[in-house]
Amino acid sequence: MEPTTPQEACFEAGIKFGTLYHQFAGTPVSPASAASLETAMEAAIENQPFCESVTVDVREEELAAELDGRSADYTELTGRFMEVEMRIDYEGSTVRTSMSMEGDYPRMRVEEVVE
């Protein structure tokens, strides 16, 4: 059975999330560098085919709380420090996706598929 266009669009979204998370997880980040990291992540993913938009929010308050009382001025980026939304357009099917924490796990989900 051939995949449908919406299924292929969802697959494309998964590729983008895998790239975003595994390329940037572990990157040194601080509240002062959060905005520039957001911009770099968005630009990197928007370069990929079929990606219409990406919004990355590095949660600066959570970073500051993590760093409070530590000797270092930065920590490693993980899913608990970011929220992400993406819109993928593949051959007329649009997929809206998101990533946010669900308990202790950064959950990536398909929010909506429009044909």
N, C-alpha and C. Protein backbone atom coordinates (compact mmCIF):
# COMPACT_ATOMS: atom_id res chain seq x y z
N MET A 1 0.84 -1.17 0.00
CA MET A 1 0.00 0.00 0.00
C MET A 1 0.89 1.24 0.00
N GLU A 2 0.61 2.14 -0.89
CA GLU A 2 1.35 3.40 -0.99
C GLU A 2 0.94 4.34 0.15
N PRO A 3 1.89 5.07 0.71
CA PRO A 3 1.50 6.05 1.75
C PRO A 3 0.69 7.18 1.12
N THR A 4 -0.22 7.72 1.90
CA THR A 4 -1.01 8.86 1.43
C THR A 4 -0.17 10.13 1.54
N THR A 5 -0.61 11.16 0.86
CA THR A 5 0.09 12.44 0.96
C THR A 5 0.12 12.96 2.39
N PRO A 6 -0.99 12.91 3.14
CA PRO A 6 -0.92 13.34 4.55
C PRO A 6 0.06 12.51 5.38
N GLN A 7 0.14 11.20 5.12
CA GLN A 7 1.10 10.37 5.84
C GLN A 7 2.53 10.78 5.52
N GLU A 8 2.80 11.07 4.25
CA GLU A 8 4.14 11.52 3.87
C GLU A 8 4.45 12.88 4.50
N ALA A 9 3.45 13.74 4.61
CA ALA A 9 3.65 15.04 5.27
C ALA A 9 4.01 14.83 6.75
N CYS A 10 3.34 13.90 7.41
CA CYS A 10 3.66 13.59 8.81
C CYS A 10 5.07 13.03 8.93
N PHE A 11 5.47 12.19 7.99
CA PHE A 11 6.83 11.66 7.97
C PHE A 11 7.85 12.80 7.85
N GLU A 12 7.57 13.75 6.97
CA GLU A 12 8.46 14.91 6.83
C GLU A 12 8.57 15.68 8.15
N ALA A 13 7.46 15.83 8.86
CA ALA A 13 7.48 16.50 10.16
C ALA A 13 8.39 15.74 11.13
N GLY A 14 8.29 14.42 11.14
CA GLY A 14 9.13 13.60 12.02
C GLY A 14 10.61 13.78 11.72
N ILE A 15 10.95 13.88 10.45
CA ILE A 15 12.35 14.11 10.07
C ILE A 15 12.83 15.43 10.65
N LYS A 16 12.01 16.46 10.53
CA LYS A 16 12.40 17.79 11.02
C LYS A 16 12.58 17.77 12.54
N PHE A 17 11.67 17.11 13.27
CA PHE A 17 11.81 17.05 14.72
C PHE A 17 13.04 16.26 15.13
N GLY A 18 13.29 15.14 14.46
CA GLY A 18 14.49 14.36 14.77
C GLY A 18 15.75 15.18 14.56
N THR A 19 15.79 15.91 13.48
CA THR A 19 16.93 16.77 13.20
C THR A 19 17.08 17.85 14.25
N LEU A 20 15.99 18.54 14.55
CA LEU A 20 16.04 19.64 15.50
C LEU A 20 16.52 19.15 16.87
N TYR A 21 15.88 18.10 17.36
CA TYR A 21 16.19 17.66 18.72
C TYR A 21 17.61 17.10 18.82
N HIS A 22 17.96 16.20 17.93
CA HIS A 22 19.23 15.52 18.07
C HIS A 22 20.42 16.33 17.57
N GLN A 23 20.18 17.33 16.76
CA GLN A 23 21.26 18.22 16.36
C GLN A 23 21.60 19.20 17.47
N PHE A 24 20.59 19.66 18.21
CA PHE A 24 20.81 20.74 19.17
C PHE A 24 20.84 20.29 20.63
N ALA A 25 20.36 19.10 20.95
CA ALA A 25 20.43 18.61 22.34
C ALA A 25 21.90 18.57 22.75
N GLY A 26 22.17 19.10 23.91
CA GLY A 26 23.54 19.15 24.42
C GLY A 26 24.26 20.44 24.14
N THR A 27 23.65 21.31 23.34
CA THR A 27 24.26 22.61 23.04
C THR A 27 24.35 23.43 24.32
N PRO A 28 25.50 24.03 24.62
CA PRO A 28 25.57 24.92 25.79
C PRO A 28 24.62 26.10 25.59
N VAL A 29 23.82 26.39 26.63
CA VAL A 29 22.84 27.47 26.54
C VAL A 29 22.72 28.17 27.89
N SER A 30 22.49 29.46 27.82
CA SER A 30 22.27 30.28 29.01
C SER A 30 21.10 31.21 28.71
N PRO A 31 20.56 31.86 29.73
CA PRO A 31 19.50 32.83 29.44
C PRO A 31 19.97 33.91 28.45
N ALA A 32 21.23 34.29 28.52
CA ALA A 32 21.74 35.33 27.61
C ALA A 32 21.86 34.85 26.17
N SER A 33 22.06 33.55 25.96
CA SER A 33 22.23 33.05 24.59
C SER A 33 20.97 32.39 24.04
N ALA A 34 19.91 32.32 24.83
CA ALA A 34 18.70 31.60 24.42
C ALA A 34 18.10 32.15 23.13
N ALA A 35 17.98 33.45 23.00
CA ALA A 35 17.34 34.03 21.81
C ALA A 35 18.13 33.73 20.53
N SER A 36 19.44 33.81 20.60
CA SER A 36 20.23 33.53 19.40
C SER A 36 20.18 32.05 19.05
N LEU A 37 20.09 31.18 20.06
CA LEU A 37 19.95 29.75 19.79
C LEU A 37 18.59 29.45 19.16
N GLU A 38 17.54 30.09 19.64
CA GLU A 38 16.21 29.93 19.04
C GLU A 38 16.27 30.26 17.55
N THR A 39 16.87 31.40 17.23
CA THR A 39 16.96 31.84 15.84
C THR A 39 17.75 30.86 15.00
N ALA A 40 18.86 30.36 15.52
CA ALA A 40 19.69 29.40 14.78
C ALA A 40 18.93 28.10 14.53
N MET A 41 18.21 27.64 15.53
CA MET A 41 17.45 26.40 15.37
C MET A 41 16.34 26.57 14.34
N GLU A 42 15.62 27.67 14.42
CA GLU A 42 14.54 27.93 13.45
C GLU A 42 15.09 28.00 12.04
N ALA A 43 16.19 28.72 11.84
CA ALA A 43 16.76 28.87 10.50
C ALA A 43 17.26 27.53 9.96
N ALA A 44 17.86 26.72 10.81
CA ALA A 44 18.37 25.43 10.37
C ALA A 44 17.25 24.51 9.89
N ILE A 45 16.17 24.47 10.62
CA ILE A 45 15.07 23.59 10.24
C ILE A 45 14.29 24.15 9.06
N GLU A 46 14.11 25.47 8.99
CA GLU A 46 13.39 26.07 7.86
C GLU A 46 14.13 25.88 6.54
N ASN A 47 15.42 25.59 6.58
CA ASN A 47 16.17 25.30 5.36
C ASN A 47 15.73 24.00 4.71
N GLN A 48 15.13 23.11 5.48
CA GLN A 48 14.77 21.79 4.97
C GLN A 48 13.54 21.87 4.08
N PRO A 49 13.44 20.97 3.10
CA PRO A 49 12.29 20.98 2.19
C PRO A 49 10.98 20.82 2.93
N PHE A 50 9.95 21.47 2.44
CA PHE A 50 8.56 21.37 2.89
C PHE A 50 8.28 22.04 4.23
N CYS A 51 9.27 22.64 4.85
CA CYS A 51 9.06 23.29 6.14
C CYS A 51 8.62 24.72 5.90
N GLU A 52 7.39 25.03 6.31
CA GLU A 52 6.83 26.36 6.11
C GLU A 52 7.17 27.30 7.26
N SER A 53 7.18 26.79 8.48
CA SER A 53 7.52 27.64 9.61
C SER A 53 7.94 26.80 10.81
N VAL A 54 8.80 27.40 11.63
CA VAL A 54 9.26 26.79 12.87
C VAL A 54 9.33 27.90 13.91
N THR A 55 8.82 27.62 15.09
CA THR A 55 8.95 28.54 16.21
C THR A 55 9.56 27.76 17.37
N VAL A 56 10.71 28.22 17.84
CA VAL A 56 11.39 27.60 18.98
C VAL A 56 11.37 28.60 20.13
N ASP A 57 10.93 28.15 21.27
CA ASP A 57 10.94 28.96 22.48
C ASP A 57 11.83 28.28 23.50
N VAL A 58 13.03 28.84 23.72
CA VAL A 58 13.90 28.33 24.78
C VAL A 58 13.43 29.00 26.06
N ARG A 59 13.05 28.20 27.00
CA ARG A 59 12.40 28.67 28.23
C ARG A 59 13.45 29.25 29.19
N GLU A 60 13.62 30.56 29.10
CA GLU A 60 14.68 31.24 29.84
C GLU A 60 14.48 31.18 31.35
N GLU A 61 13.25 31.22 31.82
CA GLU A 61 13.01 31.14 33.26
C GLU A 61 13.47 29.79 33.81
N GLU A 62 13.21 28.71 33.07
CA GLU A 62 13.64 27.39 33.50
C GLU A 62 15.17 27.29 33.46
N LEU A 63 15.78 27.91 32.45
CA LEU A 63 17.25 27.93 32.40
C LEU A 63 17.81 28.65 33.62
N ALA A 64 17.26 29.81 33.93
CA ALA A 64 17.75 30.59 35.07
C ALA A 64 17.59 29.80 36.37
N ALA A 65 16.46 29.12 36.52
CA ALA A 65 16.25 28.32 37.74
C ALA A 65 17.26 27.18 37.82
N GLU A 66 17.56 26.55 36.70
CA GLU A 66 18.55 25.47 36.65
C GLU A 66 19.94 25.97 37.04
N LEU A 67 20.25 27.18 36.63
CA LEU A 67 21.60 27.73 36.87
C LEU A 67 21.75 28.37 38.24
N ASP A 68 20.65 28.62 38.91
CA ASP A 68 20.71 29.28 40.21
C ASP A 68 21.55 28.46 41.18
N GLY A 69 22.59 29.08 41.71
CA GLY A 69 23.48 28.42 42.67
C GLY A 69 24.56 27.54 42.06
N ARG A 70 24.63 27.48 40.75
CA ARG A 70 25.68 26.69 40.08
C ARG A 70 26.90 27.56 39.80
N SER A 71 28.02 26.90 39.65
CA SER A 71 29.24 27.64 39.35
C SER A 71 29.34 28.01 37.87
N ALA A 72 28.69 27.25 36.99
CA ALA A 72 28.73 27.53 35.56
C ALA A 72 27.62 28.49 35.18
N ASP A 73 27.85 29.26 34.12
CA ASP A 73 26.86 30.22 33.63
C ASP A 73 25.99 29.65 32.52
N TYR A 74 26.10 28.36 32.25
CA TYR A 74 25.33 27.73 31.18
C TYR A 74 24.98 26.30 31.60
N THR A 75 24.07 25.70 30.85
CA THR A 75 23.74 24.29 31.00
C THR A 75 23.56 23.71 29.60
N GLU A 76 23.29 22.43 29.51
CA GLU A 76 23.06 21.80 28.22
C GLU A 76 21.59 21.88 27.85
N LEU A 77 21.33 22.18 26.59
CA LEU A 77 19.96 22.24 26.09
C LEU A 77 19.36 20.84 26.08
N THR A 78 18.18 20.71 26.64
CA THR A 78 17.40 19.47 26.58
C THR A 78 15.95 19.86 26.28
N GLY A 79 15.12 18.87 26.06
CA GLY A 79 13.72 19.12 25.75
C GLY A 79 12.99 19.89 26.83
N ARG A 80 13.41 19.76 28.08
CA ARG A 80 12.68 20.46 29.15
C ARG A 80 12.88 21.97 29.10
N PHE A 81 13.84 22.43 28.30
CA PHE A 81 14.09 23.87 28.19
C PHE A 81 13.52 24.48 26.92
N MET A 82 12.76 23.70 26.13
CA MET A 82 12.25 24.30 24.89
C MET A 82 10.86 23.81 24.55
N GLU A 83 10.14 24.67 23.84
CA GLU A 83 8.86 24.34 23.22
C GLU A 83 8.99 24.68 21.75
N VAL A 84 8.43 23.83 20.91
CA VAL A 84 8.61 23.98 19.46
C VAL A 84 7.27 23.79 18.76
N GLU A 85 7.04 24.60 17.74
CA GLU A 85 5.90 24.40 16.83
C GLU A 85 6.44 24.42 15.41
N MET A 86 5.89 23.56 14.56
CA MET A 86 6.29 23.51 13.15
C MET A 86 5.06 23.35 12.28
N ARG A 87 5.18 23.89 11.07
CA ARG A 87 4.16 23.67 10.05
C ARG A 87 4.87 23.15 8.80
N ILE A 88 4.43 21.99 8.34
CA ILE A 88 4.99 21.34 7.17
C ILE A 88 3.93 21.34 6.07
N ASP A 89 4.32 21.71 4.86
CA ASP A 89 3.40 21.67 3.72
C ASP A 89 4.01 20.73 2.68
N TYR A 90 3.36 19.61 2.47
CA TYR A 90 3.84 18.61 1.52
C TYR A 90 2.75 18.31 0.51
N GLU A 91 2.98 18.75 -0.72
CA GLU A 91 2.07 18.48 -1.84
C GLU A 91 0.60 18.73 -1.50
N GLY A 92 0.34 19.85 -0.86
CA GLY A 92 -1.03 20.24 -0.57
C GLY A 92 -1.56 19.78 0.78
N SER A 93 -0.83 18.95 1.49
CA SER A 93 -1.21 18.57 2.85
C SER A 93 -0.37 19.37 3.84
N THR A 94 -1.04 19.96 4.81
CA THR A 94 -0.36 20.74 5.82
C THR A 94 -0.45 20.02 7.16
N VAL A 95 0.70 19.91 7.83
CA VAL A 95 0.77 19.27 9.13
C VAL A 95 1.26 20.30 10.13
N ARG A 96 0.52 20.45 11.21
CA ARG A 96 0.92 21.33 12.30
C ARG A 96 1.35 20.44 13.46
N THR A 97 2.56 20.67 13.97
CA THR A 97 3.14 19.82 15.00
C THR A 97 3.64 20.67 16.17
N SER A 98 3.90 19.99 17.29
CA SER A 98 4.45 20.70 18.45
C SER A 98 5.30 19.75 19.28
N MET A 99 6.12 20.36 20.13
CA MET A 99 6.89 19.61 21.11
C MET A 99 6.83 20.38 22.42
N SER A 100 6.47 19.67 23.49
CA SER A 100 6.50 20.24 24.83
C SER A 100 6.68 19.09 25.81
N MET A 101 6.97 19.43 27.03
CA MET A 101 7.21 18.40 28.04
C MET A 101 5.89 17.72 28.43
N GLU A 102 5.95 16.43 28.55
CA GLU A 102 4.85 15.64 29.08
C GLU A 102 5.47 14.82 30.22
N GLY A 103 5.27 15.30 31.43
CA GLY A 103 5.97 14.70 32.56
C GLY A 103 7.45 15.00 32.44
N ASP A 104 8.26 13.97 32.33
CA ASP A 104 9.70 14.17 32.20
C ASP A 104 10.21 13.86 30.79
N TYR A 105 9.29 13.86 29.81
CA TYR A 105 9.66 13.49 28.44
C TYR A 105 9.24 14.58 27.46
N PRO A 106 10.15 14.97 26.55
CA PRO A 106 9.77 15.96 25.52
C PRO A 106 8.92 15.28 24.44
N ARG A 107 7.64 15.51 24.48
CA ARG A 107 6.69 14.84 23.59
C ARG A 107 6.52 15.63 22.30
N MET A 108 6.74 14.97 21.17
CA MET A 108 6.53 15.56 19.85
C MET A 108 5.24 14.98 19.31
N ARG A 109 4.35 15.87 18.84
CA ARG A 109 3.05 15.37 18.39
C ARG A 109 2.55 16.08 17.14
N VAL A 110 1.73 15.36 16.42
CA VAL A 110 0.99 15.93 15.30
C VAL A 110 -0.27 16.55 15.91
N GLU A 111 -0.43 17.83 15.69
CA GLU A 111 -1.60 18.55 16.23
C GLU A 111 -2.76 18.56 15.24
N GLU A 112 -2.43 18.67 13.96
CA GLU A 112 -3.49 18.80 12.95
C GLU A 112 -2.94 18.44 11.58
N VAL A 113 -3.75 17.77 10.79
CA VAL A 113 -3.43 17.48 9.39
C VAL A 113 -4.57 18.03 8.55
N VAL A 114 -4.24 18.87 7.57
CA VAL A 114 -5.24 19.45 6.69
C VAL A 114 -4.87 19.09 5.25
N GLU A 115 -5.84 18.51 4.54
CA GLU A 115 -5.61 18.16 3.13
C GLU A 115 -6.09 19.26 2.24
